[in-house]
């Protein structure tokens, strides 16, 4: 019996399904007998029910992708993302505006009892300290006005990445409250460093904190570590877990609070 038996026969949309955490999550779902609709900019060789090409920097491709999903779904897993080594505007387009647009367009398709899980990051842990700025971007009504806001508020690549993940965490808290009336839960998973093809990009953008996390926790996470938590959090039977951010970092962030991790 599959460890993810609750997903058997469910229709799951996975973004970023072609590589890294998204690919591993998709493999688990396929093994469980789920019907996976995979969205990615790059092609996937996995035997999914449907593959749809989408580029979160191009909102028209998001609209087209949603038009190709012709049935209701049970779960949306927003795993696609880019690191802070790319252009700051691209970071916000992909990590926030594209994710938000896709979610908004699919909300009406999600069955009661379903869930949405966004992948954020421990880089977004300071969301409360930056809540005013985060809320201003999230208050923009659509993708294009969000781009206008970003152009009016320039930031460097590292700040853009951290800010993007702060936005994702707050977005889930907002969505989780109003979507509960529809019987849909929304949560976030915030990984620490993960052994994926873009780990070096994260190291280049975030700096030595990545190596500190690895040293203090003993190793980097694997895609399997994170995929398991994504699927646990999104499980249709977890009816009372909503609008919550789950940090999956080997205890690093808690170590800062508990005093066993020192930044100096």
C-alpha atoms as a PDB file:
ATOM      1  CA  UNK A   1       0.000   0.000   0.000  1.00  0.00           C
ATOM      2  CA  UNK A   2       1.289   3.487  -0.880  1.00  0.00           C
ATOM      3  CA  UNK A   3       2.259   5.750   1.996  1.00  0.00           C
ATOM      4  CA  UNK A   4       0.192   8.428   0.216  1.00  0.00           C
ATOM      5  CA  UNK A   5      -2.948   6.322  -0.230  1.00  0.00           C
ATOM      6  CA  UNK A   6      -5.218   9.330   0.372  1.00  0.00           C
ATOM      7  CA  UNK A   7      -4.216  10.654  -3.058  1.00  0.00           C
ATOM      8  CA  UNK A   8      -5.369   7.596  -5.017  1.00  0.00           C
ATOM      9  CA  UNK A   9      -7.683   8.735  -7.804  1.00  0.00           C
ATOM     10  CA  UNK A  10      -7.332  12.417  -6.868  1.00  0.00           C
ATOM     11  CA  UNK A  11      -6.612  15.075  -9.475  1.00  0.00           C
ATOM     12  CA  UNK A  12      -3.527  17.039  -8.464  1.00  0.00           C
ATOM     13  CA  UNK A  13      -1.987  20.063 -10.202  1.00  0.00           C
ATOM     14  CA  UNK A  14       1.775  20.325  -9.596  1.00  0.00           C
ATOM     15  CA  UNK A  15       3.810  23.310 -10.774  1.00  0.00           C
ATOM     16  CA  UNK A  16       7.547  22.915 -11.219  1.00  0.00           C
ATOM     17  CA  UNK A  17       6.957  19.214 -11.830  1.00  0.00           C
ATOM     18  CA  UNK A  18       9.894  18.664 -14.181  1.00  0.00           C
ATOM     19  CA  UNK A  19      12.727  18.819 -11.651  1.00  0.00           C
ATOM     20  CA  UNK A  20      13.786  19.008  -8.032  1.00  0.00           C
ATOM     21  CA  UNK A  21      11.125  19.002  -5.331  1.00  0.00           C
ATOM     22  CA  UNK A  22       8.323  19.184  -7.883  1.00  0.00           C
ATOM     23  CA  UNK A  23       9.544  16.093  -9.700  1.00  0.00           C
ATOM     24  CA  UNK A  24       9.940  14.082  -6.503  1.00  0.00           C
ATOM     25  CA  UNK A  25       6.479  15.118  -5.335  1.00  0.00           C
ATOM     26  CA  UNK A  26       5.042  14.076  -8.698  1.00  0.00           C
ATOM     27  CA  UNK A  27       6.770  10.700  -8.512  1.00  0.00           C
ATOM     28  CA  UNK A  28       5.235  10.056  -5.080  1.00  0.00           C
ATOM     29  CA  UNK A  29       1.801  11.037  -6.369  1.00  0.00           C
ATOM     30  CA  UNK A  30       2.057   8.789  -9.411  1.00  0.00           C
ATOM     31  CA  UNK A  31       3.117   5.894  -7.203  1.00  0.00           C
ATOM     32  CA  UNK A  32       0.019   6.541  -5.076  1.00  0.00           C
ATOM     33  CA  UNK A  33      -2.279   6.353  -8.089  1.00  0.00           C
ATOM     34  CA  UNK A  34      -3.048  10.068  -8.367  1.00  0.00           C
ATOM     35  CA  UNK A  35      -3.944  11.772 -11.634  1.00  0.00           C
ATOM     36  CA  UNK A  36      -1.266  14.443 -11.959  1.00  0.00           C
ATOM     37  CA  UNK A  37      -1.532  17.521 -14.136  1.00  0.00           C
ATOM     38  CA  UNK A  38       2.059  18.738 -14.414  1.00  0.00           C
ATOM     39  CA  UNK A  39       2.869  22.379 -15.171  1.00  0.00           C
ATOM     40  CA  UNK A  40       6.390  23.512 -15.964  1.00  0.00           C
ATOM     41  CA  UNK A  41       8.367  25.662 -18.352  1.00  0.00           C
ATOM     42  CA  UNK A  42      10.522  22.633 -19.156  1.00  0.00           C
ATOM     43  CA  UNK A  43       9.158  19.318 -20.499  1.00  0.00           C
ATOM     44  CA  UNK A  44       8.740  16.351 -18.180  1.00  0.00           C
ATOM     45  CA  UNK A  45       9.372  12.694 -18.978  1.00  0.00           C
ATOM     46  CA  UNK A  46       7.104  11.474 -16.175  1.00  0.00           C
ATOM     47  CA  UNK A  47       3.952   9.574 -17.160  1.00  0.00           C
ATOM     48  CA  UNK A  48       1.509  12.181 -15.895  1.00  0.00           C
ATOM     49  CA  UNK A  49      -2.141  12.432 -16.890  1.00  0.00           C
ATOM     50  CA  UNK A  50      -1.492  15.798 -18.556  1.00  0.00           C
ATOM     51  CA  UNK A  51       1.541  18.018 -19.096  1.00  0.00           C
ATOM     52  CA  UNK A  52       1.025  21.722 -19.748  1.00  0.00           C
ATOM     53  CA  UNK A  53       3.799  24.137 -20.632  1.00  0.00           C
ATOM     54  CA  UNK A  54       3.659  27.399 -18.678  1.00  0.00           C
ATOM     55  CA  UNK A  55       6.017  30.301 -18.041  1.00  0.00           C
ATOM     56  CA  UNK A  56       5.181  32.330 -14.949  1.00  0.00           C
ATOM     57  CA  UNK A  57       6.963  35.366 -16.410  1.00  0.00           C
ATOM     58  CA  UNK A  58       4.330  35.401 -19.161  1.00  0.00           C
ATOM     59  CA  UNK A  59       0.806  35.719 -17.693  1.00  0.00           C
ATOM     60  CA  UNK A  60      -0.888  34.814 -20.963  1.00  0.00           C
ATOM     61  CA  UNK A  61       0.621  31.311 -20.686  1.00  0.00           C
ATOM     62  CA  UNK A  62      -0.975  30.951 -17.253  1.00  0.00           C
ATOM     63  CA  UNK A  63      -4.386  31.776 -18.694  1.00  0.00           C
ATOM     64  CA  UNK A  64      -3.843  29.288 -21.512  1.00  0.00           C
ATOM     65  CA  UNK A  65      -2.698  26.603 -19.085  1.00  0.00           C
ATOM     66  CA  UNK A  66      -5.803  26.960 -16.946  1.00  0.00           C
ATOM     67  CA  UNK A  67      -7.994  26.737 -20.058  1.00  0.00           C
ATOM     68  CA  UNK A  68      -6.402  23.348 -20.769  1.00  0.00           C
ATOM     69  CA  UNK A  69      -7.414  21.998 -17.356  1.00  0.00           C
ATOM     70  CA  UNK A  70     -10.963  21.017 -18.186  1.00  0.00           C
ATOM     71  CA  UNK A  71     -12.101  19.363 -14.959  1.00  0.00           C
ATOM     72  CA  UNK A  72     -12.305  19.960 -11.232  1.00  0.00           C
ATOM     73  CA  UNK A  73      -9.188  19.273  -9.151  1.00  0.00           C
ATOM     74  CA  UNK A  74      -8.570  18.183  -5.581  1.00  0.00           C
ATOM     75  CA  UNK A  75      -5.184  19.690  -4.767  1.00  0.00           C
ATOM     76  CA  UNK A  76      -2.948  22.447  -6.126  1.00  0.00           C
ATOM     77  CA  UNK A  77       0.768  22.246  -5.298  1.00  0.00           C
ATOM     78  CA  UNK A  78       2.647  25.432  -6.187  1.00  0.00           C
ATOM     79  CA  UNK A  79       6.248  24.245  -6.160  1.00  0.00           C
ATOM     80  CA  UNK A  80       7.733  26.183  -9.107  1.00  0.00           C
ATOM     81  CA  UNK A  81      10.143  28.957  -8.183  1.00  0.00           C
ATOM     82  CA  UNK A  82      13.374  30.699  -9.097  1.00  0.00           C
ATOM     83  CA  UNK A  83      16.348  31.703  -6.921  1.00  0.00           C
ATOM     84  CA  UNK A  84      17.689  35.161  -6.195  1.00  0.00           C
ATOM     85  CA  UNK A  85      20.375  34.918  -8.842  1.00  0.00           C
ATOM     86  CA  UNK A  86      17.958  35.952 -11.585  1.00  0.00           C
ATOM     87  CA  UNK A  87      16.606  39.427 -12.297  1.00  0.00           C
ATOM     88  CA  UNK A  88      14.622  40.779  -9.303  1.00  0.00           C
ATOM     89  CA  UNK A  89      11.525  41.407 -11.393  1.00  0.00           C
ATOM     90  CA  UNK A  90      11.629  37.828 -12.679  1.00  0.00           C
ATOM     91  CA  UNK A  91      11.845  36.588  -9.083  1.00  0.00           C
ATOM     92  CA  UNK A  92       8.636  38.404  -8.162  1.00  0.00           C
ATOM     93  CA  UNK A  93       6.888  37.460 -11.417  1.00  0.00           C
ATOM     94  CA  UNK A  94       7.530  33.744 -10.890  1.00  0.00           C
ATOM     95  CA  UNK A  95       7.513  33.339  -7.115  1.00  0.00           C
ATOM     96  CA  UNK A  96       4.581  35.643  -6.331  1.00  0.00           C
ATOM     97  CA  UNK A  97       2.587  37.026  -9.240  1.00  0.00           C
ATOM     98  CA  UNK A  98       2.482  33.879 -11.351  1.00  0.00           C
ATOM     99  CA  UNK A  99       1.751  31.697  -8.340  1.00  0.00           C
ATOM    100  CA  UNK A 100      -1.029  34.043  -7.232  1.00  0.00           C
ATOM    101  CA  UNK A 101      -2.572  34.282 -10.680  1.00  0.00           C
ATOM    102  CA  UNK A 102      -2.627  30.528 -11.227  1.00  0.00           C
ATOM    103  CA  UNK A 103      -4.155  29.965  -7.800  1.00  0.00           C
ATOM    104  CA  UNK A 104      -6.846  32.583  -8.350  1.00  0.00           C
ATOM    105  CA  UNK A 105      -7.775  31.098 -11.724  1.00  0.00           C
ATOM    106  CA  UNK A 106      -8.000  27.569 -10.333  1.00  0.00           C
ATOM    107  CA  UNK A 107      -9.834  28.304  -7.097  1.00  0.00           C
ATOM    108  CA  UNK A 108     -13.258  27.681  -8.616  1.00  0.00           C
ATOM    109  CA  UNK A 109     -12.055  24.261  -9.819  1.00  0.00           C
ATOM    110  CA  UNK A 110     -10.940  22.974  -6.403  1.00  0.00           C
ATOM    111  CA  UNK A 111     -13.445  20.584  -4.830  1.00  0.00           C
ATOM    112  CA  UNK A 112     -14.650  21.046  -1.254  1.00  0.00           C
ATOM    113  CA  UNK A 113     -12.242  19.248   1.031  1.00  0.00           C
ATOM    114  CA  UNK A 114      -9.330  20.099  -1.256  1.00  0.00           C
ATOM    115  CA  UNK A 115      -6.169  21.999  -0.485  1.00  0.00           C
ATOM    116  CA  UNK A 116      -3.540  24.352  -1.842  1.00  0.00           C
ATOM    117  CA  UNK A 117       0.086  24.212  -0.739  1.00  0.00           C
ATOM    118  CA  UNK A 118       2.641  26.839  -1.750  1.00  0.00           C
ATOM    119  CA  UNK A 119       6.369  26.230  -1.358  1.00  0.00           C
ATOM    120  CA  UNK A 120       7.939  29.230   0.374  1.00  0.00           C
ATOM    121  CA  UNK A 121      11.325  29.233   2.174  1.00  0.00           C
ATOM    122  CA  UNK A 122      12.907  29.973   5.521  1.00  0.00           C
ATOM    123  CA  UNK A 123      14.208  33.045   3.655  1.00  0.00           C
ATOM    124  CA  UNK A 124      10.659  34.377   4.105  1.00  0.00           C
ATOM    125  CA  UNK A 125      10.691  33.965   7.874  1.00  0.00           C
ATOM    126  CA  UNK A 126      10.802  37.737   8.462  1.00  0.00           C
ATOM    127  CA  UNK A 127       7.368  38.243   6.903  1.00  0.00           C
ATOM    128  CA  UNK A 128       5.923  39.760  10.072  1.00  0.00           C
ATOM    129  CA  UNK A 129       8.635  42.434  10.236  1.00  0.00           C
ATOM    130  CA  UNK A 130       7.957  43.392   6.617  1.00  0.00           C
ATOM    131  CA  UNK A 131       4.197  42.901   6.656  1.00  0.00           C
ATOM    132  CA  UNK A 132       3.274  46.411   5.504  1.00  0.00           C
ATOM    133  CA  UNK A 133       5.420  46.151   2.376  1.00  0.00           C
ATOM    134  CA  UNK A 134       4.222  42.617   1.685  1.00  0.00           C
ATOM    135  CA  UNK A 135       0.584  43.616   1.990  1.00  0.00           C
ATOM    136  CA  UNK A 136       1.066  46.499  -0.414  1.00  0.00           C
ATOM    137  CA  UNK A 137       2.213  44.163  -3.175  1.00  0.00           C
ATOM    138  CA  UNK A 138      -0.484  41.625  -2.371  1.00  0.00           C
ATOM    139  CA  UNK A 139      -3.093  44.394  -2.508  1.00  0.00           C
ATOM    140  CA  UNK A 140      -2.422  44.868  -6.224  1.00  0.00           C
ATOM    141  CA  UNK A 141      -5.439  43.458  -8.049  1.00  0.00           C
ATOM    142  CA  UNK A 142      -3.739  41.527 -10.832  1.00  0.00           C
ATOM    143  CA  UNK A 143      -0.494  40.404 -12.443  1.00  0.00           C
ATOM    144  CA  UNK A 144       0.191  43.556 -14.454  1.00  0.00           C
ATOM    145  CA  UNK A 145      -0.445  45.938 -11.558  1.00  0.00           C
ATOM    146  CA  UNK A 146       1.850  43.754  -9.460  1.00  0.00           C
ATOM    147  CA  UNK A 147       4.602  44.199 -12.042  1.00  0.00           C
ATOM    148  CA  UNK A 148       4.006  47.965 -11.963  1.00  0.00           C
ATOM    149  CA  UNK A 149       4.373  47.925  -8.171  1.00  0.00           C
ATOM    150  CA  UNK A 150       7.659  46.018  -8.405  1.00  0.00           C
ATOM    151  CA  UNK A 151       9.035  48.499 -10.931  1.00  0.00           C
ATOM    152  CA  UNK A 152       8.093  51.351  -8.613  1.00  0.00           C
ATOM    153  CA  UNK A 153       9.816  49.642  -5.670  1.00  0.00           C
ATOM    154  CA  UNK A 154      13.186  48.378  -6.959  1.00  0.00           C
ATOM    155  CA  UNK A 155      15.155  45.911  -4.855  1.00  0.00           C
ATOM    156  CA  UNK A 156      18.266  43.818  -5.314  1.00  0.00           C
ATOM    157  CA  UNK A 157      18.084  40.128  -6.144  1.00  0.00           C
ATOM    158  CA  UNK A 158      18.607  38.831  -2.604  1.00  0.00           C
ATOM    159  CA  UNK A 159      15.949  41.110  -1.170  1.00  0.00           C
ATOM    160  CA  UNK A 160      13.615  40.215  -4.035  1.00  0.00           C
ATOM    161  CA  UNK A 161      13.938  36.520  -3.195  1.00  0.00           C
ATOM    162  CA  UNK A 162      13.408  36.977   0.540  1.00  0.00           C
ATOM    163  CA  UNK A 163      10.513  39.343  -0.151  1.00  0.00           C
ATOM    164  CA  UNK A 164       8.941  36.932  -2.616  1.00  0.00           C
ATOM    165  CA  UNK A 165       8.850  34.172  -0.021  1.00  0.00           C
ATOM    166  CA  UNK A 166       7.519  36.537   2.633  1.00  0.00           C
ATOM    167  CA  UNK A 167       4.721  37.326   0.204  1.00  0.00           C
ATOM    168  CA  UNK A 168       3.956  33.650  -0.397  1.00  0.00           C
ATOM    169  CA  UNK A 169       3.632  32.970   3.341  1.00  0.00           C
ATOM    170  CA  UNK A 170       1.336  35.946   3.892  1.00  0.00           C
ATOM    171  CA  UNK A 171      -0.666  35.157   0.747  1.00  0.00           C
ATOM    172  CA  UNK A 172      -1.417  31.691   2.108  1.00  0.00           C
ATOM    173  CA  UNK A 173      -2.568  33.160   5.405  1.00  0.00           C
ATOM    174  CA  UNK A 174      -4.914  35.480   3.542  1.00  0.00           C
ATOM    175  CA  UNK A 175      -6.196  32.778   1.196  1.00  0.00           C
ATOM    176  CA  UNK A 176      -6.583  30.248   3.985  1.00  0.00           C
ATOM    177  CA  UNK A 177      -9.021  32.483   5.795  1.00  0.00           C
ATOM    178  CA  UNK A 178     -11.377  33.261   2.925  1.00  0.00           C
ATOM    179  CA  UNK A 179     -11.128  29.891   1.201  1.00  0.00           C
ATOM    180  CA  UNK A 180     -12.172  28.015   4.334  1.00  0.00           C
ATOM    181  CA  UNK A 181     -15.726  29.045   3.469  1.00  0.00           C
ATOM    182  CA  UNK A 182     -15.323  26.926   0.343  1.00  0.00           C
ATOM    183  CA  UNK A 183     -13.896  24.027   2.330  1.00  0.00           C
ATOM    184  CA  UNK A 184     -10.396  24.520   0.871  1.00  0.00           C
ATOM    185  CA  UNK A 185      -7.258  24.725   3.018  1.00  0.00           C
ATOM    186  CA  UNK A 186      -4.147  26.758   2.088  1.00  0.00           C
ATOM    187  CA  UNK A 187      -0.737  26.270   3.725  1.00  0.00           C
ATOM    188  CA  UNK A 188       2.948  26.825   3.019  1.00  0.00           C
ATOM    189  CA  UNK A 189       6.061  24.694   3.331  1.00  0.00           C
ATOM    190  CA  UNK A 190       9.291  26.602   3.996  1.00  0.00           C
ATOM    191  CA  UNK A 191      12.391  24.515   3.274  1.00  0.00           C
ATOM    192  CA  UNK A 192      15.935  25.264   4.289  1.00  0.00           C
ATOM    193  CA  UNK A 193      18.747  24.369   1.861  1.00  0.00           C
ATOM    194  CA  UNK A 194      17.737  21.489  -0.426  1.00  0.00           C
ATOM    195  CA  UNK A 195      19.975  19.346  -2.641  1.00  0.00           C
ATOM    196  CA  UNK A 196      18.464  20.281  -6.003  1.00  0.00           C
ATOM    197  CA  UNK A 197      20.016  21.485  -9.270  1.00  0.00           C
ATOM    198  CA  UNK A 198      19.612  25.134  -8.187  1.00  0.00           C
ATOM    199  CA  UNK A 199      21.198  24.831  -4.722  1.00  0.00           C
ATOM    200  CA  UNK A 200      24.336  26.624  -5.909  1.00  0.00           C
ATOM    201  CA  UNK A 201      22.169  29.488  -7.163  1.00  0.00           C
ATOM    202  CA  UNK A 202      20.686  29.812  -3.690  1.00  0.00           C
ATOM    203  CA  UNK A 203      24.159  29.728  -2.163  1.00  0.00           C
ATOM    204  CA  UNK A 204      25.293  32.472  -4.535  1.00  0.00           C
ATOM    205  CA  UNK A 205      22.299  34.673  -3.754  1.00  0.00           C
ATOM    206  CA  UNK A 206      21.839  34.057  -0.029  1.00  0.00           C
ATOM    207  CA  UNK A 207      25.483  33.817   0.976  1.00  0.00           C
ATOM    208  CA  UNK A 208      27.178  32.054   3.903  1.00  0.00           C
ATOM    209  CA  UNK A 209      23.924  31.559   5.842  1.00  0.00           C
ATOM    210  CA  UNK A 210      23.305  28.533   3.610  1.00  0.00           C
ATOM    211  CA  UNK A 211      26.506  26.885   4.802  1.00  0.00           C
ATOM    212  CA  UNK A 212      25.660  27.797   8.405  1.00  0.00           C
ATOM    213  CA  UNK A 213      22.322  26.005   8.127  1.00  0.00           C
ATOM    214  CA  UNK A 214      24.026  22.951   6.660  1.00  0.00           C
ATOM    215  CA  UNK A 215      26.682  22.903   9.363  1.00  0.00           C
ATOM    216  CA  UNK A 216      24.261  23.353  12.250  1.00  0.00           C
ATOM    217  CA  UNK A 217      21.742  20.755  11.026  1.00  0.00           C
ATOM    218  CA  UNK A 218      24.247  18.195   9.770  1.00  0.00           C
ATOM    219  CA  UNK A 219      23.153  18.081   6.119  1.00  0.00           C
ATOM    220  CA  UNK A 220      21.036  19.711   3.462  1.00  0.00           C
ATOM    221  CA  UNK A 221      17.505  18.489   2.903  1.00  0.00           C
ATOM    222  CA  UNK A 222      16.774  16.197  -0.001  1.00  0.00           C
ATOM    223  CA  UNK A 223      13.892  16.677  -2.420  1.00  0.00           C
ATOM    224  CA  UNK A 224      12.342  13.617  -0.777  1.00  0.00           C
ATOM    225  CA  UNK A 225      12.418  15.294   2.651  1.00  0.00           C
ATOM    226  CA  UNK A 226      10.449  18.253   1.358  1.00  0.00           C
ATOM    227  CA  UNK A 227       8.092  16.310  -0.912  1.00  0.00           C
ATOM    228  CA  UNK A 228       6.969  14.149   1.999  1.00  0.00           C
ATOM    229  CA  UNK A 229       6.030  17.219   4.032  1.00  0.00           C
ATOM    230  CA  UNK A 230       4.223  18.815   1.083  1.00  0.00           C
ATOM    231  CA  UNK A 231       2.096  15.707   0.669  1.00  0.00           C
ATOM    232  CA  UNK A 232       1.472  15.374   4.399  1.00  0.00           C
ATOM    233  CA  UNK A 233       0.355  18.993   4.627  1.00  0.00           C
ATOM    234  CA  UNK A 234      -1.873  18.686   1.544  1.00  0.00           C
ATOM    235  CA  UNK A 235      -3.489  15.389   2.550  1.00  0.00           C
ATOM    236  CA  UNK A 236      -7.290  15.661   2.179  1.00  0.00           C
ATOM    237  CA  UNK A 237      -7.731  14.083   5.628  1.00  0.00           C
ATOM    238  CA  UNK A 238      -5.947  16.937   7.437  1.00  0.00           C
ATOM    239  CA  UNK A 239      -9.089  19.034   7.691  1.00  0.00           C
ATOM    240  CA  UNK A 240      -7.993  21.281  10.570  1.00  0.00           C
ATOM    241  CA  UNK A 241      -4.548  22.402   9.398  1.00  0.00           C
ATOM    242  CA  UNK A 242      -4.991  25.718   7.619  1.00  0.00           C
ATOM    243  CA  UNK A 243      -3.175  29.018   6.918  1.00  0.00           C
ATOM    244  CA  UNK A 244      -0.018  27.629   8.514  1.00  0.00           C
ATOM    245  CA  UNK A 245       3.642  27.811   7.510  1.00  0.00           C
ATOM    246  CA  UNK A 246       5.663  24.660   8.180  1.00  0.00           C
ATOM    247  CA  UNK A 247       9.419  25.167   8.325  1.00  0.00           C
ATOM    248  CA  UNK A 248      11.365  22.134   7.106  1.00  0.00           C
ATOM    249  CA  UNK A 249      14.941  23.044   7.940  1.00  0.00           C
ATOM    250  CA  UNK A 250      16.278  20.437  10.352  1.00  0.00           C
ATOM    251  CA  UNK A 251      15.345  22.725  13.255  1.00  0.00           C
ATOM    252  CA  UNK A 252      17.606  25.625  12.239  1.00  0.00           C
ATOM    253  CA  UNK A 253      15.113  28.460  12.680  1.00  0.00           C
ATOM    254  CA  UNK A 254      13.930  27.036  15.995  1.00  0.00           C
ATOM    255  CA  UNK A 255      17.581  26.789  16.977  1.00  0.00           C
ATOM    256  CA  UNK A 256      17.884  30.544  16.562  1.00  0.00           C
ATOM    257  CA  UNK A 257      14.979  31.010  18.955  1.00  0.00           C
ATOM    258  CA  UNK A 258      16.188  28.334  21.363  1.00  0.00           C
ATOM    259  CA  UNK A 259      19.715  29.695  21.448  1.00  0.00           C
ATOM    260  CA  UNK A 260      21.611  26.658  20.195  1.00  0.00           C
ATOM    261  CA  UNK A 261      22.298  28.315  16.842  1.00  0.00           C
ATOM    262  CA  UNK A 262      24.440  31.466  16.818  1.00  0.00           C
ATOM    263  CA  UNK A 263      24.735  33.751  13.792  1.00  0.00           C
ATOM    264  CA  UNK A 264      28.035  35.329  14.877  1.00  0.00           C
END
